[in-house]
Amino acid sequence: MGFGGPVWHASACARTLRDSLALARSALRGVGSPLLGEWEEAGGSGVVHVRRRLSEREQQEAALAVRDIRGTGEVAERVARLEVDYPAVKQLIEVQGGVH
């Protein structure tokens, strides 16, 4: 999509676009470098996508590899961290059929 390199990507859907954005940003807490680039996109039905460039260190460690974490233990760890700030996340995930 032309982001100038590998990116972290988080999507979220909450009651409002503002809450969706906060939730997606929270999912990316501690990773990437907003200074190298961060893009926000509002999709349909209240979904927000946030893409953030990997930090220079992350790029070196990842050797520019792309990895989809859906269905892995890493997803469960990230969701657990989100639930601390957003207790409704667990209910949303259950309603939508689990983490993919």
PDB file of N, CA and C in Angstrom:
ATOM      1  N   MET A   1       0.805  -1.206   0.000  1.00  0.00           N
ATOM      2  CA  MET A   1       0.000   0.000   0.000  1.00  0.00           C
ATOM      3  C   MET A   1       0.845   1.265   0.000  1.00  0.00           C
ATOM      4  N   GLY A   2       2.136   1.139  -0.078  1.00  0.00           N
ATOM      5  CA  GLY A   2       2.965   2.317  -0.196  1.00  0.00           C
ATOM      6  C   GLY A   2       3.255   3.059   1.096  1.00  0.00           C
ATOM      7  N   PHE A   3       3.590   2.314   2.154  1.00  0.00           N
ATOM      8  CA  PHE A   3       3.898   2.946   3.434  1.00  0.00           C
ATOM      9  C   PHE A   3       5.402   3.146   3.617  1.00  0.00           C
ATOM     10  N   GLY A   4       6.192   2.821   2.622  1.00  0.00           N
ATOM     11  CA  GLY A   4       7.625   3.042   2.700  1.00  0.00           C
ATOM     12  C   GLY A   4       8.368   1.999   3.500  1.00  0.00           C
ATOM     13  N   GLY A   5       7.736   0.897   3.806  1.00  0.00           N
ATOM     14  CA  GLY A   5       8.367  -0.175   4.564  1.00  0.00           C
ATOM     15  C   GLY A   5       7.331  -0.940   5.359  1.00  0.00           C
ATOM     16  N   PRO A   6       7.796  -1.891   6.155  1.00  0.00           N
ATOM     17  CA  PRO A   6       6.865  -2.728   6.915  1.00  0.00           C
ATOM     18  C   PRO A   6       6.140  -1.931   8.002  1.00  0.00           C
ATOM     19  N   VAL A   7       4.897  -2.321   8.254  1.00  0.00           N
ATOM     20  CA  VAL A   7       4.077  -1.622   9.248  1.00  0.00           C
ATOM     21  C   VAL A   7       3.410  -2.607  10.194  1.00  0.00           C
ATOM     22  N   TRP A   8       3.134  -2.131  11.391  1.00  0.00           N
ATOM     23  CA  TRP A   8       2.214  -2.791  12.305  1.00  0.00           C
ATOM     24  C   TRP A   8       0.829  -2.342  11.877  1.00  0.00           C
ATOM     25  N   HIS A   9      -0.172  -3.212  12.033  1.00  0.00           N
ATOM     26  CA  HIS A   9      -1.532  -2.874  11.630  1.00  0.00           C
ATOM     27  C   HIS A   9      -2.500  -3.372  12.692  1.00  0.00           C
ATOM     28  N   ALA A  10      -3.323  -2.469  13.196  1.00  0.00           N
ATOM     29  CA  ALA A  10      -4.369  -2.839  14.151  1.00  0.00           C
ATOM     30  C   ALA A  10      -5.689  -2.267  13.665  1.00  0.00           C
ATOM     31  N   SER A  11      -6.738  -3.060  13.774  1.00  0.00           N
ATOM     32  CA  SER A  11      -8.088  -2.618  13.421  1.00  0.00           C
ATOM     33  C   SER A  11      -8.965  -2.767  14.650  1.00  0.00           C
ATOM     34  N   ALA A  12      -9.921  -1.869  14.793  1.00  0.00           N
ATOM     35  CA  ALA A  12     -10.833  -1.940  15.932  1.00  0.00           C
ATOM     36  C   ALA A  12     -12.190  -1.388  15.538  1.00  0.00           C
ATOM     37  N   CYS A  13     -13.204  -1.878  16.218  1.00  0.00           N
ATOM     38  CA  CYS A  13     -14.557  -1.385  16.023  1.00  0.00           C
ATOM     39  C   CYS A  13     -15.209  -1.267  17.393  1.00  0.00           C
ATOM     40  N   ALA A  14     -15.604  -0.068  17.752  1.00  0.00           N
ATOM     41  CA  ALA A  14     -16.252   0.191  19.037  1.00  0.00           C
ATOM     42  C   ALA A  14     -17.514   1.007  18.777  1.00  0.00           C
ATOM     43  N   ARG A  15     -18.109   1.522  19.817  1.00  0.00           N
ATOM     44  CA  ARG A  15     -19.369   2.271  19.672  1.00  0.00           C
ATOM     45  C   ARG A  15     -19.211   3.558  18.863  1.00  0.00           C
ATOM     46  N   THR A  16     -18.055   4.204  18.975  1.00  0.00           N
ATOM     47  CA  THR A  16     -17.813   5.440  18.230  1.00  0.00           C
ATOM     48  C   THR A  16     -16.483   5.332  17.504  1.00  0.00           C
ATOM     49  N   LEU A  17     -16.300   6.167  16.473  1.00  0.00           N
ATOM     50  CA  LEU A  17     -15.014   6.180  15.768  1.00  0.00           C
ATOM     51  C   LEU A  17     -13.888   6.578  16.711  1.00  0.00           C
ATOM     52  N   ARG A  18     -14.168   7.508  17.612  1.00  0.00           N
ATOM     53  CA  ARG A  18     -13.152   7.943  18.575  1.00  0.00           C
ATOM     54  C   ARG A  18     -12.700   6.766  19.447  1.00  0.00           C
ATOM     55  N   ASP A  19     -13.674   5.972  19.931  1.00  0.00           N
ATOM     56  CA  ASP A  19     -13.331   4.799  20.738  1.00  0.00           C
ATOM     57  C   ASP A  19     -12.612   3.746  19.908  1.00  0.00           C
ATOM     58  N   SER A  20     -13.032   3.582  18.650  1.00  0.00           N
ATOM     59  CA  SER A  20     -12.357   2.626  17.761  1.00  0.00           C
ATOM     60  C   SER A  20     -10.900   3.020  17.559  1.00  0.00           C
ATOM     61  N   LEU A  21     -10.665   4.308  17.344  1.00  0.00           N
ATOM     62  CA  LEU A  21      -9.302   4.797  17.157  1.00  0.00           C
ATOM     63  C   LEU A  21      -8.467   4.578  18.409  1.00  0.00           C
ATOM     64  N   ALA A  22      -9.034   4.882  19.568  1.00  0.00           N
ATOM     65  CA  ALA A  22      -8.310   4.685  20.828  1.00  0.00           C
ATOM     66  C   ALA A  22      -7.972   3.214  21.034  1.00  0.00           C
ATOM     67  N   LEU A  23      -8.885   2.349  20.698  1.00  0.00           N
ATOM     68  CA  LEU A  23      -8.673   0.918  20.857  1.00  0.00           C
ATOM     69  C   LEU A  23      -7.584   0.412  19.911  1.00  0.00           C
ATOM     70  N   ALA A  24      -7.618   0.841  18.665  1.00  0.00           N
ATOM     71  CA  ALA A  24      -6.591   0.430  17.696  1.00  0.00           C
ATOM     72  C   ALA A  24      -5.216   0.963  18.100  1.00  0.00           C
ATOM     73  N   ARG A  25      -5.156   2.212  18.527  1.00  0.00           N
ATOM     74  CA  ARG A  25      -3.876   2.774  18.988  1.00  0.00           C
ATOM     75  C   ARG A  25      -3.358   2.021  20.203  1.00  0.00           C
ATOM     76  N   SER A  26      -4.258   1.658  21.098  1.00  0.00           N
ATOM     77  CA  SER A  26      -3.861   0.918  22.295  1.00  0.00           C
ATOM     78  C   SER A  26      -3.257  -0.436  21.926  1.00  0.00           C
ATOM     79  N   ALA A  27      -3.784  -1.049  20.892  1.00  0.00           N
ATOM     80  CA  ALA A  27      -3.259  -2.345  20.450  1.00  0.00           C
ATOM     81  C   ALA A  27      -1.821  -2.226  19.957  1.00  0.00           C
ATOM     82  N   LEU A  28      -1.438  -1.038  19.507  1.00  0.00           N
ATOM     83  CA  LEU A  28      -0.078  -0.822  18.999  1.00  0.00           C
ATOM     84  C   LEU A  28       0.858  -0.203  20.038  1.00  0.00           C
ATOM     85  N   ARG A  29       0.362  -0.064  21.265  1.00  0.00           N
ATOM     86  CA  ARG A  29       1.192   0.525  22.315  1.00  0.00           C
ATOM     87  C   ARG A  29       2.478  -0.289  22.478  1.00  0.00           C
ATOM     88  N   GLY A  30       3.602   0.401  22.440  1.00  0.00           N
ATOM     89  CA  GLY A  30       4.885  -0.248  22.682  1.00  0.00           C
ATOM     90  C   GLY A  30       5.552  -0.833  21.452  1.00  0.00           C
ATOM     91  N   VAL A  31       4.919  -0.699  20.292  1.00  0.00           N
ATOM     92  CA  VAL A  31       5.549  -1.211  19.074  1.00  0.00           C
ATOM     93  C   VAL A  31       5.602  -0.116  18.025  1.00  0.00           C
ATOM     94  N   GLY A  32       6.557  -0.237  17.129  1.00  0.00           N
ATOM     95  CA  GLY A  32       6.661   0.679  16.013  1.00  0.00           C
ATOM     96  C   GLY A  32       7.153   2.062  16.400  1.00  0.00           C
ATOM     97  N   SER A  33       7.189   2.931  15.387  1.00  0.00           N
ATOM     98  CA  SER A  33       7.645   4.302  15.571  1.00  0.00           C
ATOM     99  C   SER A  33       6.717   5.257  14.833  1.00  0.00           C
ATOM    100  N   PRO A  34       5.845   5.953  15.575  1.00  0.00           N
ATOM    101  CA  PRO A  34       4.993   6.936  14.912  1.00  0.00           C
ATOM    102  C   PRO A  34       5.797   8.016  14.183  1.00  0.00           C
ATOM    103  N   LEU A  35       7.021   8.271  14.650  1.00  0.00           N
ATOM    104  CA  LEU A  35       7.853   9.282  13.996  1.00  0.00           C
ATOM    105  C   LEU A  35       8.250   8.867  12.577  1.00  0.00           C
ATOM    106  N   LEU A  36       8.315   7.553  12.333  1.00  0.00           N
ATOM    107  CA  LEU A  36       8.647   7.064  10.994  1.00  0.00           C
ATOM    108  C   LEU A  36       7.409   6.992  10.103  1.00  0.00           C
ATOM    109  N   GLY A  37       6.241   7.065  10.707  1.00  0.00           N
ATOM    110  CA  GLY A  37       5.002   7.079   9.938  1.00  0.00           C
ATOM    111  C   GLY A  37       3.875   6.364  10.658  1.00  0.00           C
ATOM    112  N   GLU A  38       2.714   7.001  10.665  1.00  0.00           N
ATOM    113  CA  GLU A  38       1.515   6.382  11.223  1.00  0.00           C
ATOM    114  C   GLU A  38       0.325   6.879  10.419  1.00  0.00           C
ATOM    115  N   TRP A  39      -0.548   5.951  10.024  1.00  0.00           N
ATOM    116  CA  TRP A  39      -1.690   6.269   9.196  1.00  0.00           C
ATOM    117  C   TRP A  39      -2.955   5.727   9.834  1.00  0.00           C
ATOM    118  N   GLU A  40      -3.992   6.544   9.811  1.00  0.00           N
ATOM    119  CA  GLU A  40      -5.289   6.148  10.355  1.00  0.00           C
ATOM    120  C   GLU A  40      -6.299   6.178   9.222  1.00  0.00           C
ATOM    121  N   GLU A  41      -7.170   5.181   9.224  1.00  0.00           N
ATOM    122  CA  GLU A  41      -8.172   5.086   8.169  1.00  0.00           C
ATOM    123  C   GLU A  41      -9.488   4.610   8.781  1.00  0.00           C
ATOM    124  N   ALA A  42     -10.540   5.361   8.530  1.00  0.00           N
ATOM    125  CA  ALA A  42     -11.870   4.942   8.974  1.00  0.00           C
ATOM    126  C   ALA A  42     -12.492   4.098   7.876  1.00  0.00           C
ATOM    127  N   GLY A  43     -12.862   2.878   8.244  1.00  0.00           N
ATOM    128  CA  GLY A  43     -13.516   1.999   7.292  1.00  0.00           C
ATOM    129  C   GLY A  43     -15.022   2.045   7.500  1.00  0.00           C
ATOM    130  N   GLY A  44     -15.708   1.115   6.912  1.00  0.00           N
ATOM    131  CA  GLY A  44     -17.151   1.057   7.061  1.00  0.00           C
ATOM    132  C   GLY A  44     -17.562   0.520   8.419  1.00  0.00           C
ATOM    133  N   SER A  45     -18.777   0.821   8.821  1.00  0.00           N
ATOM    134  CA  SER A  45     -19.396   0.310  10.045  1.00  0.00           C
ATOM    135  C   SER A  45     -18.613   0.625  11.309  1.00  0.00           C
ATOM    136  N   GLY A  46     -17.910   1.738  11.345  1.00  0.00           N
ATOM    137  CA  GLY A  46     -17.207   2.153  12.560  1.00  0.00           C
ATOM    138  C   GLY A  46     -15.840   1.537  12.773  1.00  0.00           C
ATOM    139  N   VAL A  47     -15.341   0.800  11.798  1.00  0.00           N
ATOM    140  CA  VAL A  47     -14.019   0.183  11.917  1.00  0.00           C
ATOM    141  C   VAL A  47     -12.945   1.228  11.643  1.00  0.00           C
ATOM    142  N   VAL A  48     -11.890   1.196  12.445  1.00  0.00           N
ATOM    143  CA  VAL A  48     -10.747   2.080  12.243  1.00  0.00           C
ATOM    144  C   VAL A  48      -9.495   1.219  12.098  1.00  0.00           C
ATOM    145  N   HIS A  49      -8.664   1.567  11.132  1.00  0.00           N
ATOM    146  CA  HIS A  49      -7.390   0.888  10.916  1.00  0.00           C
ATOM    147  C   HIS A  49      -6.272   1.865  11.250  1.00  0.00           C
ATOM    148  N   VAL A  50      -5.288   1.405  11.996  1.00  0.00           N
ATOM    149  CA  VAL A  50      -4.097   2.205  12.279  1.00  0.00           C
ATOM    150  C   VAL A  50      -2.898   1.388  11.823  1.00  0.00           C
ATOM    151  N   ARG A  51      -2.079   2.015  11.003  1.00  0.00           N
ATOM    152  CA  ARG A  51      -0.839   1.384  10.540  1.00  0.00           C
ATOM    153  C   ARG A  51       0.318   2.246  11.004  1.00  0.00           C
ATOM    154  N   ARG A  52       1.333   1.591  11.530  1.00  0.00           N
ATOM    155  CA  ARG A  52       2.487   2.299  12.075  1.00  0.00           C
ATOM    156  C   ARG A  52       3.754   1.613  11.595  1.00  0.00           C
ATOM    157  N   ARG A  53       4.694   2.412  11.099  1.00  0.00           N
ATOM    158  CA  ARG A  53       5.970   1.865  10.646  1.00  0.00           C
ATOM    159  C   ARG A  53       6.694   1.183  11.789  1.00  0.00           C
ATOM    160  N   LEU A  54       7.360   0.083  11.470  1.00  0.00           N
ATOM    161  CA  LEU A  54       8.216  -0.585  12.441  1.00  0.00           C
ATOM    162  C   LEU A  54       9.354   0.358  12.804  1.00  0.00           C
ATOM    163  N   SER A  55       9.822   0.260  14.040  1.00  0.00           N
ATOM    164  CA  SER A  55      10.992   1.041  14.438  1.00  0.00           C
ATOM    165  C   SER A  55      12.204   0.494  13.680  1.00  0.00           C
ATOM    166  N   GLU A  56      13.273   1.255  13.684  1.00  0.00           N
ATOM    167  CA  GLU A  56      14.487   0.796  13.000  1.00  0.00           C
ATOM    168  C   GLU A  56      14.969  -0.528  13.601  1.00  0.00           C
ATOM    169  N   ARG A  57      14.913  -0.651  14.923  1.00  0.00           N
ATOM    170  CA  ARG A  57      15.333  -1.887  15.585  1.00  0.00           C
ATOM    171  C   ARG A  57      14.440  -3.054  15.160  1.00  0.00           C
ATOM    172  N   GLU A  58      13.137  -2.820  15.140  1.00  0.00           N
ATOM    173  CA  GLU A  58      12.202  -3.875  14.740  1.00  0.00           C
ATOM    174  C   GLU A  58      12.447  -4.310  13.301  1.00  0.00           C
ATOM    175  N   GLN A  59      12.754  -3.354  12.428  1.00  0.00           N
ATOM    176  CA  GLN A  59      13.020  -3.686  11.033  1.00  0.00           C
ATOM    177  C   GLN A  59      14.254  -4.571  10.911  1.00  0.00           C
ATOM    178  N   GLN A  60      15.285  -4.265  11.685  1.00  0.00           N
ATOM    179  CA  GLN A  60      16.498  -5.077  11.652  1.00  0.00           C
ATOM    180  C   GLN A  60      16.222  -6.483  12.187  1.00  0.00           C
ATOM    181  N   GLU A  61      15.482  -6.557  13.288  1.00  0.00           N
ATOM    182  CA  GLU A  61      15.186  -7.856  13.897  1.00  0.00           C
ATOM    183  C   GLU A  61      14.264  -8.695  13.027  1.00  0.00           C
ATOM    184  N   ALA A  62      13.314  -8.053  12.380  1.00  0.00           N
ATOM    185  CA  ALA A  62      12.355  -8.780  11.553  1.00  0.00           C
ATOM    186  C   ALA A  62      12.913  -9.097  10.177  1.00  0.00           C
ATOM    187  N   ALA A  63      14.006  -8.466   9.830  1.00  0.00           N
ATOM    188  CA  ALA A  63      14.599  -8.621   8.498  1.00  0.00           C
ATOM    189  C   ALA A  63      13.529  -8.410   7.428  1.00  0.00           C
ATOM    190  N   LEU A  64      12.672  -7.421   7.696  1.00  0.00           N
ATOM    191  CA  LEU A  64      11.612  -7.028   6.775  1.00  0.00           C
ATOM    192  C   LEU A  64      10.595  -8.140   6.511  1.00  0.00           C
ATOM    193  N   ALA A  65      10.507  -9.109   7.406  1.00  0.00           N
ATOM    194  CA  ALA A  65       9.529 -10.187   7.248  1.00  0.00           C
ATOM    195  C   ALA A  65       8.143  -9.692   7.654  1.00  0.00           C
ATOM    196  N   VAL A  66       7.150 -10.132   6.930  1.00  0.00           N
ATOM    197  CA  VAL A  66       5.766  -9.822   7.265  1.00  0.00           C
ATOM    198  C   VAL A  66       5.186 -11.040   7.966  1.00  0.00           C
ATOM    199  N   ARG A  67       4.490 -10.790   9.065  1.00  0.00           N
ATOM    200  CA  ARG A  67       3.951 -11.904   9.844  1.00  0.00           C
ATOM    201  C   ARG A  67       2.527 -11.576  10.251  1.00  0.00           C
ATOM    202  N   ASP A  68       1.623 -12.481   9.967  1.00  0.00           N
ATOM    203  CA  ASP A  68       0.222 -12.329  10.349  1.00  0.00           C
ATOM    204  C   ASP A  68       0.044 -13.055  11.677  1.00  0.00           C
ATOM    205  N   ILE A  69      -0.368 -12.324  12.725  1.00  0.00           N
ATOM    206  CA  ILE A  69      -0.460 -12.943  14.049  1.00  0.00           C
ATOM    207  C   ILE A  69      -1.852 -13.466  14.362  1.00  0.00           C
ATOM    208  N   ARG A  70      -2.793 -13.349  13.415  1.00  0.00           N
ATOM    209  CA  ARG A  70      -4.141 -13.864  13.684  1.00  0.00           C
ATOM    210  C   ARG A  70      -4.064 -15.356  14.001  1.00  0.00           C
ATOM    211  N   GLY A  71      -4.779 -15.754  15.062  1.00  0.00           N
ATOM    212  CA  GLY A  71      -4.836 -17.159  15.441  1.00  0.00           C
ATOM    213  C   GLY A  71      -3.635 -17.650  16.226  1.00  0.00           C
ATOM    214  N   THR A  72      -2.743 -16.746  16.663  1.00  0.00           N
ATOM    215  CA  THR A  72      -1.562 -17.147  17.423  1.00  0.00           C
ATOM    216  C   THR A  72      -1.706 -16.732  18.885  1.00  0.00           C
ATOM    217  N   GLY A  73      -0.806 -17.225  19.722  1.00  0.00           N
ATOM    218  CA  GLY A  73      -0.788 -16.843  21.127  1.00  0.00           C
ATOM    219  C   GLY A  73      -0.541 -15.364  21.322  1.00  0.00           C
ATOM    220  N   GLU A  74       0.153 -14.744  20.400  1.00  0.00           N
ATOM    221  CA  GLU A  74       0.427 -13.312  20.507  1.00  0.00           C
ATOM    222  C   GLU A  74      -0.872 -12.509  20.489  1.00  0.00           C
ATOM    223  N   VAL A  75      -1.858 -12.970  19.729  1.00  0.00           N
ATOM    224  CA  VAL A  75      -3.145 -12.285  19.699  1.00  0.00           C
ATOM    225  C   VAL A  75      -3.768 -12.293  21.092  1.00  0.00           C
ATOM    226  N   ALA A  76      -3.769 -13.454  21.742  1.00  0.00           N
ATOM    227  CA  ALA A  76      -4.350 -13.561  23.082  1.00  0.00           C
ATOM    228  C   ALA A  76      -3.640 -12.632  24.065  1.00  0.00           C
ATOM    229  N   GLU A  77      -2.326 -12.525  23.961  1.00  0.00           N
ATOM    230  CA  GLU A  77      -1.567 -11.637  24.840  1.00  0.00           C
ATOM    231  C   GLU A  77      -1.955 -10.178  24.613  1.00  0.00           C
ATOM    232  N   ARG A  78      -2.092  -9.784  23.356  1.00  0.00           N
ATOM    233  CA  ARG A  78      -2.456  -8.400  23.040  1.00  0.00           C
ATOM    234  C   ARG A  78      -3.873  -8.086  23.504  1.00  0.00           C
ATOM    235  N   VAL A  79      -4.786  -9.031  23.297  1.00  0.00           N
ATOM    236  CA  VAL A  79      -6.160  -8.824  23.746  1.00  0.00           C
ATOM    237  C   VAL A  79      -6.202  -8.687  25.262  1.00  0.00           C
ATOM    238  N   ALA A  80      -5.434  -9.501  25.965  1.00  0.00           N
ATOM    239  CA  ALA A  80      -5.409  -9.420  27.433  1.00  0.00           C
ATOM    240  C   ALA A  80      -4.935  -8.045  27.883  1.00  0.00           C
ATOM    241  N   ARG A  81      -3.944  -7.476  27.196  1.00  0.00           N
ATOM    242  CA  ARG A  81      -3.467  -6.130  27.550  1.00  0.00           C
ATOM    243  C   ARG A  81      -4.539  -5.083  27.273  1.00  0.00           C
ATOM    244  N   LEU A  82      -5.270  -5.257  26.175  1.00  0.00           N
ATOM    245  CA  LEU A  82      -6.333  -4.315  25.846  1.00  0.00           C
ATOM    246  C   LEU A  82      -7.457  -4.354  26.869  1.00  0.00           C
ATOM    247  N   GLU A  83      -7.751  -5.545  27.384  1.00  0.00           N
ATOM    248  CA  GLU A  83      -8.849  -5.690  28.336  1.00  0.00           C
ATOM    249  C   GLU A  83      -8.620  -4.891  29.616  1.00  0.00           C
ATOM    250  N   VAL A  84      -7.364  -4.623  29.930  1.00  0.00           N
ATOM    251  CA  VAL A  84      -7.064  -3.819  31.120  1.00  0.00           C
ATOM    252  C   VAL A  84      -7.628  -2.414  30.951  1.00  0.00           C
ATOM    253  N   ASP A  85      -7.413  -1.814  29.778  1.00  0.00           N
ATOM    254  CA  ASP A  85      -7.894  -0.455  29.518  1.00  0.00           C
ATOM    255  C   ASP A  85      -9.333  -0.427  29.005  1.00  0.00           C
ATOM    256  N   TYR A  86      -9.748  -1.500  28.351  1.00  0.00           N
ATOM    257  CA  TYR A  86     -11.062  -1.555  27.719  1.00  0.00           C
ATOM    258  C   TYR A  86     -11.741  -2.875  28.069  1.00  0.00           C
ATOM    259  N   PRO A  87     -12.362  -2.965  29.247  1.00  0.00           N
ATOM    260  CA  PRO A  87     -12.985  -4.219  29.675  1.00  0.00           C
ATOM    261  C   PRO A  87     -14.026  -4.752  28.696  1.00  0.00           C
ATOM    262  N   ALA A  88     -14.641  -3.888  27.909  1.00  0.00           N
ATOM    263  CA  ALA A  88     -15.669  -4.339  26.964  1.00  0.00           C
ATOM    264  C   ALA A  88     -15.082  -5.111  25.787  1.00  0.00           C
ATOM    265  N   VAL A  89     -13.756  -5.083  25.617  1.00  0.00           N
ATOM    266  CA  VAL A  89     -13.124  -5.775  24.497  1.00  0.00           C
ATOM    267  C   VAL A  89     -13.456  -7.261  24.523  1.00  0.00           C
ATOM    268  N   LYS A  90     -13.377  -7.866  25.690  1.00  0.00           N
ATOM    269  CA  LYS A  90     -13.638  -9.299  25.798  1.00  0.00           C
ATOM    270  C   LYS A  90     -15.049  -9.624  25.313  1.00  0.00           C
ATOM    271  N   GLN A  91     -16.010  -8.821  25.724  1.00  0.00           N
ATOM    272  CA  GLN A  91     -17.384  -9.051  25.306  1.00  0.00           C
ATOM    273  C   GLN A  91     -17.523  -8.859  23.790  1.00  0.00           C
ATOM    274  N   LEU A  92     -16.899  -7.830  23.239  1.00  0.00           N
ATOM    275  CA  LEU A  92     -16.958  -7.605  21.791  1.00  0.00           C
ATOM    276  C   LEU A  92     -16.386  -8.791  21.025  1.00  0.00           C
ATOM    277  N   ILE A  93     -15.273  -9.322  21.507  1.00  0.00           N
ATOM    278  CA  ILE A  93     -14.645 -10.448  20.831  1.00  0.00           C
ATOM    279  C   ILE A  93     -15.537 -11.678  20.907  1.00  0.00           C
ATOM    280  N   GLU A  94     -16.138 -11.909  22.064  1.00  0.00           N
ATOM    281  CA  GLU A  94     -17.032 -13.048  22.209  1.00  0.00           C
ATOM    282  C   GLU A  94     -18.237 -12.912  21.285  1.00  0.00           C
ATOM    283  N   VAL A  95     -18.796 -11.705  21.185  1.00  0.00           N
ATOM    284  CA  VAL A  95     -19.960 -11.479  20.334  1.00  0.00           C
ATOM    285  C   VAL A  95     -19.603 -11.711  18.864  1.00  0.00           C
ATOM    286  N   GLN A  96     -18.389 -11.339  18.482  1.00  0.00           N
ATOM    287  CA  GLN A  96     -17.989 -11.461  17.083  1.00  0.00           C
ATOM    288  C   GLN A  96     -17.354 -12.818  16.769  1.00  0.00           C
ATOM    289  N   GLY A  97     -17.379 -13.743  17.702  1.00  0.00           N
ATOM    290  CA  GLY A  97     -16.929 -15.089  17.404  1.00  0.00           C
ATOM    291  C   GLY A  97     -15.473 -15.380  17.668  1.00  0.00           C
ATOM    292  N   GLY A  98     -14.820 -14.596  18.499  1.00  0.00           N
ATOM    293  CA  GLY A  98     -13.438 -14.884  18.880  1.00  0.00           C
ATOM    294  C   GLY A  98     -12.419 -14.097  18.102  1.00  0.00           C
ATOM    295  N   VAL A  99     -11.159 -14.306  18.469  1.00  0.00           N
ATOM    296  CA  VAL A  99     -10.027 -13.616  17.853  1.00  0.00           C
ATOM    297  C   VAL A  99      -9.624 -14.370  16.609  1.00  0.00           C
ATOM    298  N   HIS A 100      -9.442 -13.638  15.507  1.00  0.00           N
ATOM    299  CA  HIS A 100      -9.047 -14.268  14.235  1.00  0.00           C
ATOM    300  C   HIS A 100      -7.651 -13.851  13.868  1.00  0.00           C
TER     301      HIS A 100
END
